[in-house]
Structure formats: C-alpha cells, structure tokens
Amino acid sequence: MSTPQVVVHRDKELMAQAAAARLITKIVDAQAARGSASVVLTGGRNGNGLLAALAAAPARDAVDWSRLDLWWGDERLLPEGDPERNVTQARKALLDSVGLDPARVHPMPASDGPLGNDAEAAAEAYAAELAAAAGPEDHSGVPAFDVLLLGVGPDTHVASLFPELPGVRETERTVVGVRGAPKPPPNRVSLTLPAIRAAREVWLLAAGEDKANAVAIALSGAGELQAPAAGARGTHRTLWLLDAAAAAGLPRGLYPPASP
C-alpha cells in the first residue's frame, strides 16, 4: 500500500475546486491510456462539494463522460430518490448534467427495490456486480478503480466503516451490510477495506474544524479498527486533501510549505 501524502488548501471552496481539477486530469489520463476510467464516489458535504465544483469547472468537457464507470463507496439503505441517498445527491450535484452512459453508472440497491431493507442481500448483490466488472488481472474481486473518493467523518469513519464495528474488521468480502450505524440511517451498504485498497488511488477529503481531530488521529499511526480512515490506502497513491481547518491538528512537517 502507498504512503499517505497530504495536501492542504486555504479553505473548503479552494479544496473542492482543486480536487475537481485533479480528478478531471486523472480521468482524462486514464481514458487516454486505457479507453475508459473508473471512479468511486463518496457522499457527504465534501464529496458533494467536489462534484458541484466539477460541474462548474470549464475543463469538465475534457472528460468523455460516456466512457466513465461510476461506483459508490457506501449508501444509505433508503428508497430510490430519497434526498439522503448518496446517489440522489450526486445526480443533483453533477450526474444529471453530464452525458453518462446509464449502463456504466452503478448505484447501490435501494430499500424499495427487490431486496427491500435487507442490508446483507444488498451487499451481496453489489459485490456480484463489482466482481462481474473486474478483469482477469483484478484478483481482489473488484475493478482496479482509478480513483476512489472517501469523506472522513469526525469519528474517523470512511464509507460506512465505523470504528470497532464489524464492517471495519472484514478481511475477505468486498461489500458488507451495515446495521446499527452510529449515525442515521442505521441500515447501510459499504465497501470494505479490502475493496478500497484495490483502487489505484484513494483520495480522502476532509474540511472544517470538526474534522481536525479525526485527521490528526488517522495520520498519527492509529490502527484501522480504531480509526478506519487510517486503513484506507491506494495501491499507487493515497492522497489526503484537506482545508486548513481540518489540518489544524497536524504537525507542519507532514505537509509541504508550498501547499496552497
């Protein structure tokens, strides 16, 4: 796994704009190299902020949206179209305004679908969809995502992997059902750390002073059971994209003075 790199921006708006520009470049490069690109989206204020910044970026038209595969790191098990679902928020922020191929957009199951409110069944179905998209060279049971985005919670959770709960302990399955999540709604579906670690690049997003303690803990050598964000690493690169408030608890030596 790659060693985390830290980039600190002045504020959350600049962080979102810079992350959007970085993501556009990564997608364009992947499409030029392999014909398509694969990205895992995250929800929350920072994930949606990045998507909104991407929607407003003039360079967004450099992306061939029809050759982009979109997945999700986690989802709230709620009815289709519920405003709290990550896919609903992503559609509003960006997806409805670009020319995606619907067959390449892979939302997690909704609670009013055929599987109902069965989190484990939803997890198994999504794991099967990921496995079907994986190539013969992908030994982890998921595609080798070009970029996997994660928001970092104030308790250090990423996706719906919460400290000490069973999901963060999973070492074999790629997707798990989550019941009794400490933040509502309690029923969720989430990628596991093994699936996250299959990504070429993992980008962790955190902005705001309420994230400063979580960032400091996760980057201080904490274990992944106590701080799931500490276990989120990419095979080629792990990037922590922060604003100054979220980085306030870090030693200055952890990131270069040139960080804007």
Protein backbone atom coordinates (compact mmCIF):
# COMPACT_ATOMS: atom_id res chain seq x y z
CA MET A 1 0.00 0.00 0.00
CA SER A 2 1.11 3.56 -0.69
CA THR A 3 2.29 6.07 1.91
CA PRO A 4 -0.22 8.88 2.57
CA GLN A 5 0.50 12.28 1.04
CA VAL A 6 -1.10 15.41 2.49
CA VAL A 7 -2.20 18.49 0.53
CA VAL A 8 -3.66 21.41 2.47
CA HIS A 9 -5.71 24.18 0.86
CA ARG A 10 -6.71 27.52 2.32
CA ASP A 11 -10.44 26.78 2.62
CA LYS A 12 -13.05 24.20 1.66
CA GLU A 13 -14.05 26.00 -1.55
CA LEU A 14 -10.49 26.02 -2.87
CA MET A 15 -10.05 22.43 -1.75
CA ALA A 16 -13.14 21.37 -3.73
CA GLN A 17 -12.05 23.27 -6.84
CA ALA A 18 -8.52 21.87 -6.71
CA ALA A 19 -9.79 18.32 -6.12
CA ALA A 20 -12.18 18.67 -9.07
CA ALA A 21 -9.36 19.82 -11.34
CA ARG A 22 -7.18 16.97 -10.13
CA LEU A 23 -9.97 14.45 -10.79
CA ILE A 24 -10.60 15.74 -14.31
CA THR A 25 -6.91 15.29 -15.13
CA LYS A 26 -6.86 11.78 -13.68
CA ILE A 27 -9.97 10.70 -15.62
CA VAL A 28 -8.68 12.16 -18.91
CA ASP A 29 -5.29 10.48 -18.44
CA ALA A 30 -6.91 7.11 -17.67
CA GLN A 31 -9.19 7.37 -20.70
CA ALA A 32 -6.22 8.22 -22.91
CA ALA A 33 -4.25 5.25 -21.57
CA ARG A 34 -6.96 2.57 -21.41
CA GLY A 35 -10.01 3.94 -23.22
CA SER A 36 -12.12 4.31 -20.07
CA ALA A 37 -11.88 5.34 -16.43
CA SER A 38 -13.40 4.08 -13.20
CA VAL A 39 -14.20 6.28 -10.19
CA VAL A 40 -15.81 5.52 -6.82
CA LEU A 41 -17.87 8.42 -5.47
CA THR A 42 -18.48 9.44 -1.88
CA GLY A 43 -21.31 11.41 -0.31
CA GLY A 44 -21.29 13.95 2.47
CA ARG A 45 -20.61 17.64 2.27
CA ASN A 46 -17.07 17.28 0.93
CA GLY A 47 -17.90 14.62 -1.65
CA ASN A 48 -20.86 16.63 -2.91
CA GLY A 49 -18.80 19.81 -2.79
CA LEU A 50 -16.24 18.22 -5.10
CA LEU A 51 -18.98 17.13 -7.53
CA ALA A 52 -20.52 20.62 -7.55
CA ALA A 53 -17.09 22.13 -8.25
CA LEU A 54 -16.59 19.62 -11.05
CA ALA A 55 -19.95 20.57 -12.55
CA ALA A 56 -18.88 24.23 -12.57
CA ALA A 57 -15.38 23.59 -13.94
CA PRO A 58 -14.88 24.70 -17.57
CA ALA A 59 -12.49 21.75 -18.08
CA ARG A 60 -15.22 19.20 -17.31
CA ASP A 61 -15.88 18.92 -21.05
CA ALA A 62 -12.41 17.38 -21.46
CA VAL A 63 -13.87 14.21 -19.92
CA ASP A 64 -15.61 11.71 -22.18
CA TRP A 65 -18.44 11.04 -19.75
CA SER A 66 -19.77 8.15 -21.84
CA ARG A 67 -16.56 6.22 -21.10
CA LEU A 68 -16.63 6.66 -17.33
CA ASP A 69 -17.69 3.94 -14.88
CA LEU A 70 -19.10 5.25 -11.61
CA TRP A 71 -19.41 3.26 -8.40
CA TRP A 72 -20.18 4.19 -4.79
CA GLY A 73 -18.20 3.55 -1.63
CA ASP A 74 -21.32 3.31 0.51
CA GLU A 75 -25.00 4.04 0.51
CA ARG A 76 -27.85 4.63 2.90
CA LEU A 77 -30.45 1.87 2.57
CA LEU A 78 -33.36 4.18 1.80
CA PRO A 79 -35.97 4.33 -1.02
CA GLU A 80 -34.90 5.29 -4.55
CA GLY A 81 -34.85 9.07 -4.92
CA ASP A 82 -34.63 9.73 -1.18
CA PRO A 83 -32.75 13.02 -0.72
CA GLU A 84 -30.44 11.38 1.84
CA ARG A 85 -29.16 8.76 -0.59
CA ASN A 86 -25.67 9.46 -1.90
CA VAL A 87 -26.70 8.70 -5.48
CA THR A 88 -29.59 11.18 -5.28
CA GLN A 89 -27.24 13.91 -4.08
CA ALA A 90 -24.66 13.04 -6.74
CA ARG A 91 -27.26 13.23 -9.51
CA LYS A 92 -28.29 16.68 -8.32
CA ALA A 93 -24.72 17.95 -7.95
CA LEU A 94 -23.31 16.63 -11.23
CA LEU A 95 -24.53 13.43 -12.82
CA ASP A 96 -27.77 14.74 -14.33
CA SER A 97 -25.84 17.47 -16.16
CA VAL A 98 -23.28 15.30 -18.00
CA GLY A 99 -23.60 12.67 -20.71
CA LEU A 100 -23.07 9.47 -18.75
CA ASP A 101 -23.83 6.02 -20.14
CA PRO A 102 -26.57 4.73 -17.77
CA ALA A 103 -25.17 1.19 -18.07
CA ARG A 104 -21.90 2.41 -16.56
CA VAL A 105 -23.46 4.06 -13.51
CA HIS A 106 -23.65 1.58 -10.64
CA PRO A 107 -25.71 2.81 -7.66
CA MET A 108 -26.13 0.53 -4.65
CA PRO A 109 -29.57 -1.04 -4.11
CA ALA A 110 -32.44 0.99 -2.63
CA SER A 111 -34.72 -0.18 0.16
CA ASP A 112 -37.79 -0.12 -2.10
CA GLY A 113 -36.12 -2.39 -4.66
CA PRO A 114 -36.41 -6.18 -4.97
CA LEU A 115 -34.11 -6.78 -1.98
CA GLY A 116 -36.05 -4.50 0.33
CA ASN A 117 -34.36 -3.46 3.56
CA ASP A 118 -32.05 -6.50 3.66
CA ALA A 119 -28.61 -4.92 4.00
CA GLU A 120 -26.73 -8.19 3.62
CA ALA A 121 -28.61 -9.14 0.46
CA ALA A 122 -27.94 -5.67 -0.97
CA ALA A 123 -24.25 -6.06 -0.13
CA GLU A 124 -24.09 -9.47 -1.84
CA ALA A 125 -25.78 -8.08 -4.94
CA TYR A 126 -23.35 -5.16 -5.19
CA ALA A 127 -20.37 -7.46 -4.60
CA ALA A 128 -21.58 -9.62 -7.50
CA GLU A 129 -21.88 -6.55 -9.73
CA LEU A 130 -18.34 -5.49 -8.85
CA ALA A 131 -16.99 -8.99 -9.45
CA ALA A 132 -18.66 -9.10 -12.88
CA ALA A 133 -16.89 -5.85 -13.82
CA ALA A 134 -13.48 -7.00 -12.59
CA GLY A 135 -10.95 -8.10 -15.17
CA PRO A 136 -8.89 -11.30 -15.10
CA GLU A 137 -5.99 -9.33 -13.67
CA ASP A 138 -8.11 -7.98 -10.78
CA HIS A 139 -7.59 -10.54 -8.04
CA SER A 140 -9.48 -8.65 -5.35
CA GLY A 141 -12.95 -9.24 -6.77
CA VAL A 142 -13.43 -5.61 -7.77
CA PRO A 143 -12.20 -3.49 -10.70
CA ALA A 144 -8.94 -1.63 -10.17
CA PHE A 145 -10.59 1.76 -9.69
CA ASP A 146 -8.60 4.72 -10.99
CA VAL A 147 -9.72 6.95 -8.11
CA LEU A 148 -11.72 6.06 -5.02
CA LEU A 149 -13.03 9.07 -3.11
CA LEU A 150 -13.75 8.97 0.63
CA GLY A 151 -15.04 11.54 3.05
CA VAL A 152 -13.62 11.35 6.57
CA GLY A 153 -16.10 11.51 9.43
CA PRO A 154 -15.43 13.27 12.77
CA ASP A 155 -15.12 9.78 14.33
CA THR A 156 -12.59 8.73 11.61
CA HIS A 157 -15.12 6.60 9.71
CA VAL A 158 -14.84 6.25 5.94
CA ALA A 159 -17.59 4.92 3.66
CA SER A 160 -19.84 3.26 6.26
CA LEU A 161 -16.95 1.61 8.11
CA PHE A 162 -17.21 2.83 11.69
CA PRO A 163 -14.62 2.38 14.46
CA GLU A 164 -14.74 -1.05 16.13
CA LEU A 165 -17.90 -2.18 14.27
CA PRO A 166 -17.88 -5.49 12.33
CA GLY A 167 -17.57 -3.89 8.88
CA VAL A 168 -14.11 -2.50 9.51
CA ARG A 169 -12.92 -5.95 10.64
CA GLU A 170 -13.89 -7.63 7.35
CA THR A 171 -10.89 -9.12 5.58
CA GLU A 172 -12.45 -11.18 2.77
CA ARG A 173 -15.75 -9.76 1.49
CA THR A 174 -15.69 -6.68 -0.74
CA VAL A 175 -19.08 -5.28 0.36
CA VAL A 176 -20.90 -5.58 3.68
CA GLY A 177 -24.30 -4.73 5.04
CA VAL A 178 -24.21 -2.35 7.99
CA ARG A 179 -26.85 -2.41 10.71
CA GLY A 180 -26.93 -0.17 13.74
CA ALA A 181 -24.70 2.53 12.26
CA PRO A 182 -23.97 5.18 14.92
CA LYS A 183 -25.29 7.92 12.63
CA PRO A 184 -28.67 7.73 10.88
CA PRO A 185 -29.93 5.94 8.99
CA PRO A 186 -28.82 2.75 10.76
CA ASN A 187 -29.01 0.44 7.73
CA ARG A 188 -26.35 0.91 5.06
CA VAL A 189 -24.20 -0.86 2.47
CA SER A 190 -20.45 -0.27 2.31
CA LEU A 191 -17.30 -1.29 0.52
CA THR A 192 -14.80 -2.93 2.84
CA LEU A 193 -11.15 -2.04 3.37
CA PRO A 194 -10.01 -4.87 1.03
CA ALA A 195 -12.14 -3.39 -1.76
CA ILE A 196 -10.95 0.14 -1.02
CA ARG A 197 -7.33 -0.99 -1.12
CA ALA A 198 -7.79 -2.38 -4.64
CA ALA A 199 -8.04 1.18 -6.01
CA ARG A 200 -5.04 2.65 -7.77
CA GLU A 201 -5.55 5.92 -5.93
CA VAL A 202 -7.51 6.64 -2.75
CA TRP A 203 -8.33 10.28 -2.01
CA LEU A 204 -9.58 11.19 1.47
CA LEU A 205 -11.43 14.50 1.75
CA ALA A 206 -11.81 16.48 4.96
CA ALA A 207 -12.71 20.13 5.55
CA GLY A 208 -13.74 22.01 8.65
CA GLU A 209 -12.52 22.21 12.21
CA ASP A 210 -14.87 19.38 13.23
CA LYS A 211 -12.64 17.03 11.19
CA ALA A 212 -9.30 18.17 12.65
CA ASN A 213 -9.17 15.60 15.45
CA ALA A 214 -10.10 12.73 13.13
CA VAL A 215 -7.45 13.74 10.60
CA ALA A 216 -4.79 14.01 13.30
CA ILE A 217 -5.69 10.59 14.74
CA ALA A 218 -5.78 8.82 11.37
CA LEU A 219 -2.42 10.26 10.29
CA SER A 220 -0.69 9.67 13.62
CA GLY A 221 -0.27 5.91 13.21
CA ALA A 222 -3.58 4.81 14.71
CA GLY A 223 -4.86 1.33 13.89
CA GLU A 224 -7.64 0.87 11.35
CA LEU A 225 -10.01 -0.76 13.85
CA GLN A 226 -9.99 2.38 15.99
CA ALA A 227 -9.58 4.77 13.04
CA PRO A 228 -10.89 3.25 9.78
CA ALA A 229 -9.54 6.18 7.75
CA ALA A 230 -6.03 5.04 8.68
CA GLY A 231 -6.60 1.81 6.77
CA ALA A 232 -7.77 3.43 3.52
CA ARG A 233 -4.81 3.23 1.14
CA GLY A 234 -4.43 3.01 -2.62
CA THR A 235 -2.07 0.66 -4.43
CA HIS A 236 -0.31 3.55 -6.21
CA ARG A 237 -1.24 6.63 -4.22
CA THR A 238 -3.03 7.74 -1.07
CA LEU A 239 -3.91 11.43 -1.01
CA TRP A 240 -5.36 13.39 1.90
CA LEU A 241 -7.00 16.55 0.55
CA LEU A 242 -7.65 18.96 3.41
CA ASP A 243 -8.51 22.55 4.15
CA ALA A 244 -6.52 24.50 6.72
CA ALA A 245 -9.13 23.96 9.44
CA ALA A 246 -9.10 20.18 9.06
CA ALA A 247 -5.28 20.17 9.05
CA ALA A 248 -5.01 22.28 12.21
CA GLY A 249 -4.03 19.32 14.41
CA LEU A 250 -1.25 18.05 12.13
CA PRO A 251 2.45 18.72 12.63
CA ARG A 252 3.54 21.22 9.97
CA GLY A 253 6.21 18.80 8.80
CA LEU A 254 3.55 16.42 7.50
CA TYR A 255 2.78 18.58 4.50
CA PRO A 256 4.93 20.84 2.34
CA PRO A 257 5.06 24.59 2.95
CA ALA A 258 4.02 25.11 -0.67
CA SER A 259 0.56 23.62 -0.13
CA PRO A 260 -1.79 26.43 -1.28
